[in-house]
PDB file of N, CA and C in Angstrom:
ATOM      1  N   MET A   1      98.422 118.303 107.943  1.00  0.00           N
ATOM      2  CA  MET A   1      99.147 119.064 106.947  1.00  0.00           C
ATOM      3  C   MET A   1      98.159 119.968 106.238  1.00  0.00           C
ATOM      4  N   THR A   2      98.500 121.240 106.107  1.00  0.00           N
ATOM      5  CA  THR A   2      97.578 122.179 105.499  1.00  0.00           C
ATOM      6  C   THR A   2      98.218 122.893 104.326  1.00  0.00           C
ATOM      7  N   GLY A   3      97.454 123.157 103.275  1.00  0.00           N
ATOM      8  CA  GLY A   3      97.890 123.956 102.150  1.00  0.00           C
ATOM      9  C   GLY A   3      99.251 123.585 101.612  1.00  0.00           C
ATOM     10  N   THR A   4     100.154 124.590 101.624  1.00  0.00           N
ATOM     11  CA  THR A   4     101.478 124.394 101.051  1.00  0.00           C
ATOM     12  C   THR A   4     102.521 124.022 102.093  1.00  0.00           C
ATOM     13  N   THR A   5     102.112 123.768 103.321  1.00  0.00           N
ATOM     14  CA  THR A   5     103.050 123.398 104.368  1.00  0.00           C
ATOM     15  C   THR A   5     103.554 121.988 104.112  1.00  0.00           C
ATOM     16  N   ARG A   6     104.885 121.858 104.002  1.00  0.00           N
ATOM     17  CA  ARG A   6     105.413 120.510 103.791  1.00  0.00           C
ATOM     18  C   ARG A   6     105.590 119.828 105.140  1.00  0.00           C
ATOM     19  N   PRO A   7     105.488 118.507 105.136  1.00  0.00           N
ATOM     20  CA  PRO A   7     105.668 117.775 106.393  1.00  0.00           C
ATOM     21  C   PRO A   7     107.078 118.004 106.946  1.00  0.00           C
ATOM     22  N   ASP A   8     107.209 117.926 108.257  1.00  0.00           N
ATOM     23  CA  ASP A   8     108.535 118.123 108.836  1.00  0.00           C
ATOM     24  C   ASP A   8     109.397 116.870 108.621  1.00  0.00           C
ATOM     25  N   PHE A   9     110.650 116.983 108.995  1.00  0.00           N
ATOM     26  CA  PHE A   9     111.625 115.922 108.767  1.00  0.00           C
ATOM     27  C   PHE A   9     111.168 114.605 109.382  1.00  0.00           C
ATOM     28  N   GLU A  10     110.703 114.655 110.617  1.00  0.00           N
ATOM     29  CA  GLU A  10     110.300 113.432 111.301  1.00  0.00           C
ATOM     30  C   GLU A  10     109.107 112.768 110.615  1.00  0.00           C
ATOM     31  N   GLN A  11     108.158 113.567 110.146  1.00  0.00           N
ATOM     32  CA  GLN A  11     107.007 113.013 109.429  1.00  0.00           C
ATOM     33  C   GLN A  11     107.454 112.350 108.126  1.00  0.00           C
ATOM     34  N   GLN A  12     108.361 113.008 107.428  1.00  0.00           N
ATOM     35  CA  GLN A  12     108.846 112.456 106.172  1.00  0.00           C
ATOM     36  C   GLN A  12     109.634 111.168 106.397  1.00  0.00           C
ATOM     37  N   MET A  13     110.456 111.131 107.433  1.00  0.00           N
ATOM     38  CA  MET A  13     111.206 109.915 107.743  1.00  0.00           C
ATOM     39  C   MET A  13     110.256 108.793 108.153  1.00  0.00           C
ATOM     40  N   GLY A  14     109.205 109.128 108.878  1.00  0.00           N
ATOM     41  CA  GLY A  14     108.203 108.134 109.240  1.00  0.00           C
ATOM     42  C   GLY A  14     107.528 107.550 108.013  1.00  0.00           C
ATOM     43  N   ARG A  15     107.200 108.402 107.060  1.00  0.00           N
ATOM     44  CA  ARG A  15     106.582 107.919 105.820  1.00  0.00           C
ATOM     45  C   ARG A  15     107.568 107.055 105.034  1.00  0.00           C
ATOM     46  N   LEU A  16     108.840 107.450 105.006  1.00  0.00           N
ATOM     47  CA  LEU A  16     109.843 106.625 104.331  1.00  0.00           C
ATOM     48  C   LEU A  16     109.938 105.241 104.972  1.00  0.00           C
ATOM     49  N   ALA A  17     109.918 105.184 106.285  1.00  0.00           N
ATOM     50  CA  ALA A  17     109.970 103.902 106.990  1.00  0.00           C
ATOM     51  C   ALA A  17     108.752 103.054 106.628  1.00  0.00           C
ATOM     52  N   ALA A  18     107.588 103.686 106.527  1.00  0.00           N
ATOM     53  CA  ALA A  18     106.370 102.954 106.161  1.00  0.00           C
ATOM     54  C   ALA A  18     106.465 102.417 104.730  1.00  0.00           C
ATOM     55  N   ILE A  19     107.040 103.199 103.846  1.00  0.00           N
ATOM     56  CA  ILE A  19     107.224 102.756 102.465  1.00  0.00           C
ATOM     57  C   ILE A  19     108.147 101.542 102.422  1.00  0.00           C
ATOM     58  N   VAL A  20     109.242 101.601 103.145  1.00  0.00           N
ATOM     59  CA  VAL A  20     110.184 100.481 103.173  1.00  0.00           C
ATOM     60  C   VAL A  20     109.498  99.230 103.701  1.00  0.00           C
ATOM     61  N   ARG A  21     108.743  99.375 104.793  1.00  0.00           N
ATOM     62  CA  ARG A  21     108.032  98.217 105.347  1.00  0.00           C
ATOM     63  C   ARG A  21     107.063  97.632 104.317  1.00  0.00           C
ATOM     64  N   GLU A  22     106.322  98.505 103.651  1.00  0.00           N
ATOM     65  CA  GLU A  22     105.357  98.029 102.673  1.00  0.00           C
ATOM     66  C   GLU A  22     106.055  97.304 101.518  1.00  0.00           C
ATOM     67  N   LEU A  23     107.159  97.849 101.058  1.00  0.00           N
ATOM     68  CA  LEU A  23     107.894  97.209  99.967  1.00  0.00           C
ATOM     69  C   LEU A  23     108.476  95.862 100.394  1.00  0.00           C
ATOM     70  N   GLU A  24     108.919  95.761 101.637  1.00  0.00           N
ATOM     71  CA  GLU A  24     109.547  94.538 102.117  1.00  0.00           C
ATOM     72  C   GLU A  24     108.530  93.457 102.503  1.00  0.00           C
ATOM     73  N   GLU A  25     107.390  93.846 103.010  1.00  0.00           N
ATOM     74  CA  GLU A  25     106.476  92.890 103.612  1.00  0.00           C
ATOM     75  C   GLU A  25     105.309  92.470 102.735  1.00  0.00           C
ATOM     76  N   GLU A  26     105.016  93.183 101.688  1.00  0.00           N
ATOM     77  CA  GLU A  26     103.806  92.892 100.934  1.00  0.00           C
ATOM     78  C   GLU A  26     104.124  92.473  99.506  1.00  0.00           C
ATOM     79  N   ASP A  27     103.230  91.652  98.960  1.00  0.00           N
ATOM     80  CA  ASP A  27     103.301  91.251  97.567  1.00  0.00           C
ATOM     81  C   ASP A  27     102.535  92.306  96.771  1.00  0.00           C
ATOM     82  N   LEU A  28     103.267  93.229  96.184  1.00  0.00           N
ATOM     83  CA  LEU A  28     102.653  94.377  95.530  1.00  0.00           C
ATOM     84  C   LEU A  28     102.738  94.266  94.016  1.00  0.00           C
ATOM     85  N   SER A  29     101.828  94.934  93.351  1.00  0.00           N
ATOM     86  CA  SER A  29     101.876  95.001  91.892  1.00  0.00           C
ATOM     87  C   SER A  29     103.061  95.869  91.468  1.00  0.00           C
ATOM     88  N   LEU A  30     103.462  95.691  90.233  1.00  0.00           N
ATOM     89  CA  LEU A  30     104.550  96.503  89.690  1.00  0.00           C
ATOM     90  C   LEU A  30     104.206  97.987  89.797  1.00  0.00           C
ATOM     91  N   GLU A  31     102.971  98.326  89.491  1.00  0.00           N
ATOM     92  CA  GLU A  31     102.551  99.732  89.531  1.00  0.00           C
ATOM     93  C   GLU A  31     102.679 100.310  90.939  1.00  0.00           C
ATOM     94  N   ARG A  32     102.269  99.521  91.939  1.00  0.00           N
ATOM     95  CA  ARG A  32     102.359  99.984  93.337  1.00  0.00           C
ATOM     96  C   ARG A  32     103.818 100.128  93.752  1.00  0.00           C
ATOM     97  N   ASN A  33     104.656  99.167  93.351  1.00  0.00           N
ATOM     98  CA  ASN A  33     106.085  99.253  93.659  1.00  0.00           C
ATOM     99  C   ASN A  33     106.700 100.514  93.062  1.00  0.00           C
ATOM    100  N   VAL A  34     106.374 100.796  91.820  1.00  0.00           N
ATOM    101  CA  VAL A  34     106.918 101.981  91.147  1.00  0.00           C
ATOM    102  C   VAL A  34     106.417 103.249  91.829  1.00  0.00           C
ATOM    103  N   ALA A  35     105.129 103.284  92.180  1.00  0.00           N
ATOM    104  CA  ALA A  35     104.570 104.464  92.850  1.00  0.00           C
ATOM    105  C   ALA A  35     105.258 104.702  94.193  1.00  0.00           C
ATOM    106  N   LEU A  36     105.471 103.632  94.957  1.00  0.00           N
ATOM    107  CA  LEU A  36     106.148 103.770  96.251  1.00  0.00           C
ATOM    108  C   LEU A  36     107.593 104.209  96.065  1.00  0.00           C
ATOM    109  N   TYR A  37     108.263 103.659  95.065  1.00  0.00           N
ATOM    110  CA  TYR A  37     109.643 104.055  94.776  1.00  0.00           C
ATOM    111  C   TYR A  37     109.713 105.550  94.466  1.00  0.00           C
ATOM    112  N   LYS A  38     108.822 106.020  93.602  1.00  0.00           N
ATOM    113  CA  LYS A  38     108.817 107.444  93.235  1.00  0.00           C
ATOM    114  C   LYS A  38     108.553 108.323  94.453  1.00  0.00           C
ATOM    115  N   GLU A  39     107.571 107.933  95.266  1.00  0.00           N
ATOM    116  CA  GLU A  39     107.264 108.706  96.470  1.00  0.00           C
ATOM    117  C   GLU A  39     108.469 108.726  97.403  1.00  0.00           C
ATOM    118  N   GLY A  40     109.103 107.574  97.570  1.00  0.00           N
ATOM    119  CA  GLY A  40     110.285 107.490  98.428  1.00  0.00           C
ATOM    120  C   GLY A  40     111.414 108.358  97.928  1.00  0.00           C
ATOM    121  N   LYS A  41     111.635 108.357  96.632  1.00  0.00           N
ATOM    122  CA  LYS A  41     112.709 109.167  96.048  1.00  0.00           C
ATOM    123  C   LYS A  41     112.478 110.658  96.307  1.00  0.00           C
ATOM    124  N   ILE A  42     111.237 111.088  96.171  1.00  0.00           N
ATOM    125  CA  ILE A  42     110.894 112.488  96.454  1.00  0.00           C
ATOM    126  C   ILE A  42     111.128 112.806  97.930  1.00  0.00           C
ATOM    127  N   LEU A  43     110.713 111.899  98.806  1.00  0.00           N
ATOM    128  CA  LEU A  43     110.906 112.108 100.242  1.00  0.00           C
ATOM    129  C   LEU A  43     112.385 112.152 100.614  1.00  0.00           C
ATOM    130  N   VAL A  44     113.190 111.288 100.019  1.00  0.00           N
ATOM    131  CA  VAL A  44     114.636 111.277 100.294  1.00  0.00           C
ATOM    132  C   VAL A  44     115.239 112.625  99.917  1.00  0.00           C
ATOM    133  N   GLN A  45     114.888 113.135  98.739  1.00  0.00           N
ATOM    134  CA  GLN A  45     115.437 114.424  98.314  1.00  0.00           C
ATOM    135  C   GLN A  45     114.984 115.543  99.250  1.00  0.00           C
ATOM    136  N   SER A  46     113.728 115.510  99.658  1.00  0.00           N
ATOM    137  CA  SER A  46     113.218 116.524 100.573  1.00  0.00           C
ATOM    138  C   SER A  46     113.952 116.463 101.918  1.00  0.00           C
ATOM    139  N   CYS A  47     114.161 115.244 102.430  1.00  0.00           N
ATOM    140  CA  CYS A  47     114.879 115.087 103.699  1.00  0.00           C
ATOM    141  C   CYS A  47     116.317 115.573 103.575  1.00  0.00           C
ATOM    142  N   ARG A  48     116.958 115.269 102.458  1.00  0.00           N
ATOM    143  CA  ARG A  48     118.335 115.739 102.229  1.00  0.00           C
ATOM    144  C   ARG A  48     118.383 117.268 102.247  1.00  0.00           C
ATOM    145  N   THR A  49     117.392 117.889 101.615  1.00  0.00           N
ATOM    146  CA  THR A  49     117.330 119.351 101.582  1.00  0.00           C
ATOM    147  C   THR A  49     117.154 119.907 102.987  1.00  0.00           C
ATOM    148  N   LEU A  50     116.244 119.314 103.762  1.00  0.00           N
ATOM    149  CA  LEU A  50     116.029 119.764 105.140  1.00  0.00           C
ATOM    150  C   LEU A  50     117.290 119.599 105.985  1.00  0.00           C
ATOM    151  N   LEU A  51     117.975 118.478 105.821  1.00  0.00           N
ATOM    152  CA  LEU A  51     119.222 118.254 106.565  1.00  0.00           C
ATOM    153  C   LEU A  51     120.290 119.268 106.175  1.00  0.00           C
ATOM    154  N   GLU A  52     120.399 119.540 104.885  1.00  0.00           N
ATOM    155  CA  GLU A  52     121.394 120.509 104.427  1.00  0.00           C
ATOM    156  C   GLU A  52     121.073 121.909 104.957  1.00  0.00           C
ATOM    157  N   GLU A  53     119.790 122.280 104.950  1.00  0.00           N
ATOM    158  CA  GLU A  53     119.389 123.586 105.484  1.00  0.00           C
ATOM    159  C   GLU A  53     119.720 123.681 106.975  1.00  0.00           C
ATOM    160  N   ALA A  54     119.421 122.620 107.721  1.00  0.00           N
ATOM    161  CA  ALA A  54     119.713 122.612 109.159  1.00  0.00           C
ATOM    162  C   ALA A  54     121.213 122.679 109.401  1.00  0.00           C
ATOM    163  N   ARG A  55     121.983 121.920 108.642  1.00  0.00           N
ATOM    164  CA  ARG A  55     123.443 121.919 108.767  1.00  0.00           C
ATOM    165  C   ARG A  55     124.006 123.319 108.504  1.00  0.00           C
ATOM    166  N   ASN A  56     123.534 123.941 107.438  1.00  0.00           N
ATOM    167  CA  ASN A  56     124.011 125.287 107.104  1.00  0.00           C
ATOM    168  C   ASN A  56     123.669 126.282 108.205  1.00  0.00           C
ATOM    169  N   GLU A  57     122.483 126.176 108.762  1.00  0.00           N
ATOM    170  CA  GLU A  57     122.074 127.084 109.836  1.00  0.00           C
ATOM    171  C   GLU A  57     122.956 126.897 111.067  1.00  0.00           C
ATOM    172  N   VAL A  58     123.200 125.642 111.429  1.00  0.00           N
ATOM    173  CA  VAL A  58     124.043 125.370 112.601  1.00  0.00           C
ATOM    174  C   VAL A  58     125.448 125.931 112.379  1.00  0.00           C
ATOM    175  N   LEU A  59     126.013 125.670 111.215  1.00  0.00           N
ATOM    176  CA  LEU A  59     127.366 126.166 110.939  1.00  0.00           C
ATOM    177  C   LEU A  59     127.397 127.694 110.905  1.00  0.00           C
ATOM    178  N   PHE A  60     126.371 128.298 110.336  1.00  0.00           N
ATOM    179  CA  PHE A  60     126.308 129.753 110.284  1.00  0.00           C
ATOM    180  C   PHE A  60     126.233 130.336 111.693  1.00  0.00           C
ATOM    181  N   ARG A  61     125.359 129.765 112.512  1.00  0.00           N
ATOM    182  CA  ARG A  61     125.194 130.276 113.876  1.00  0.00           C
ATOM    183  C   ARG A  61     126.411 129.988 114.751  1.00  0.00           C
ATOM    184  N   ALA A  62     127.144 128.966 114.408  1.00  0.00           N
ATOM    185  CA  ALA A  62     128.350 128.635 115.160  1.00  0.00           C
ATOM    186  C   ALA A  62     129.525 129.512 114.737  1.00  0.00           C
ATOM    187  N   GLY A  63     129.296 130.383 113.742  1.00  0.00           N
ATOM    188  CA  GLY A  63     130.339 131.300 113.312  1.00  0.00           C
ATOM    189  C   GLY A  63     131.374 130.675 112.403  1.00  0.00           C
ATOM    190  N   GLU A  64     130.966 129.670 111.662  1.00  0.00           N
ATOM    191  CA  GLU A  64     131.898 128.992 110.773  1.00  0.00           C
ATOM    192  C   GLU A  64     132.135 129.769 109.483  1.00  0.00           C
ATOM    193  N   GLY A  65     131.506 130.897 109.340  1.00  0.00           N
ATOM    194  CA  GLY A  65     131.771 131.721 108.167  1.00  0.00           C
ATOM    195  C   GLY A  65     130.884 131.387 106.992  1.00  0.00           C
ATOM    196  N   ASP A  66     131.520 131.113 105.857  1.00  0.00           N
ATOM    197  CA  ASP A  66     130.810 130.894 104.600  1.00  0.00           C
ATOM    198  C   ASP A  66     129.888 129.682 104.672  1.00  0.00           C
ATOM    199  N   VAL A  67     128.948 129.669 103.763  1.00  0.00           N
ATOM    200  CA  VAL A  67     128.063 128.519 103.640  1.00  0.00           C
ATOM    201  C   VAL A  67     128.906 127.332 103.213  1.00  0.00           C
ATOM    202  N   PRO A  68     128.765 126.202 103.872  1.00  0.00           N
ATOM    203  CA  PRO A  68     129.596 125.042 103.561  1.00  0.00           C
ATOM    204  C   PRO A  68     129.234 124.401 102.231  1.00  0.00           C
ATOM    205  N   ASP A  69     130.102 123.521 101.791  1.00  0.00           N
ATOM    206  CA  ASP A  69     129.821 122.748 100.587  1.00  0.00           C
ATOM    207  C   ASP A  69     128.566 121.922 100.812  1.00  0.00           C
ATOM    208  N   PRO A  70     127.813 121.670  99.742  1.00  0.00           N
ATOM    209  CA  PRO A  70     126.607 120.843  99.894  1.00  0.00           C
ATOM    210  C   PRO A  70     126.973 119.421 100.293  1.00  0.00           C
ATOM    211  N   LEU A  71     125.992 118.727 100.862  1.00  0.00           N
ATOM    212  CA  LEU A  71     126.194 117.327 101.204  1.00  0.00           C
ATOM    213  C   LEU A  71     126.445 116.531  99.935  1.00  0.00           C
ATOM    214  N   PRO A  72     127.266 115.492  99.990  1.00  0.00           N
ATOM    215  CA  PRO A  72     127.515 114.694  98.785  1.00  0.00           C
ATOM    216  C   PRO A  72     126.250 113.978  98.339  1.00  0.00           C
ATOM    217  N   GLU A  73     126.089 113.861  97.034  1.00  0.00           N
ATOM    218  CA  GLU A  73     124.922 113.149  96.491  1.00  0.00           C
ATOM    219  C   GLU A  73     125.062 111.673  96.775  1.00  0.00           C
ATOM    220  N   GLU A  74     123.917 111.026  97.003  1.00  0.00           N
ATOM    221  CA  GLU A  74     123.940 109.594  97.247  1.00  0.00           C
ATOM    222  C   GLU A  74     124.195 108.881  95.922  1.00  0.00           C
ATOM    223  N   GLU A  75     124.826 107.730  96.013  1.00  0.00           N
ATOM    224  CA  GLU A  75     125.066 106.935  94.818  1.00  0.00           C
ATOM    225  C   GLU A  75     123.770 106.270  94.408  1.00  0.00           C
ATOM    226  N   THR A  76     123.545 106.215  93.094  1.00  0.00           N
ATOM    227  CA  THR A  76     122.354 105.555  92.595  1.00  0.00           C
ATOM    228  C   THR A  76     122.715 104.147  92.159  1.00  0.00           C
ATOM    229  N   ALA A  77     121.808 103.244  92.413  1.00  0.00           N
ATOM    230  CA  ALA A  77     122.066 101.832  92.073  1.00  0.00           C
ATOM    231  C   ALA A  77     121.727 101.552  90.649  1.00  0.00           C
TER     232      ALA A  77
END
């Protein structure tokens, strides 16, 4: 990863999977848990944005006309 280039979708999903594994498998401090949660939340939002951009591009190229409604927000626990 260089400069301002953000990781691609697959890289971000891989990092999310690693975060989940770390949270599930390790006895972590509260600070580490919070840091991983925050990082995961940022990655989820970034992935959602990438998916929405890809969806809009596909629909646009397929001739569906207007930009579609945004993806529904995930429910927060």
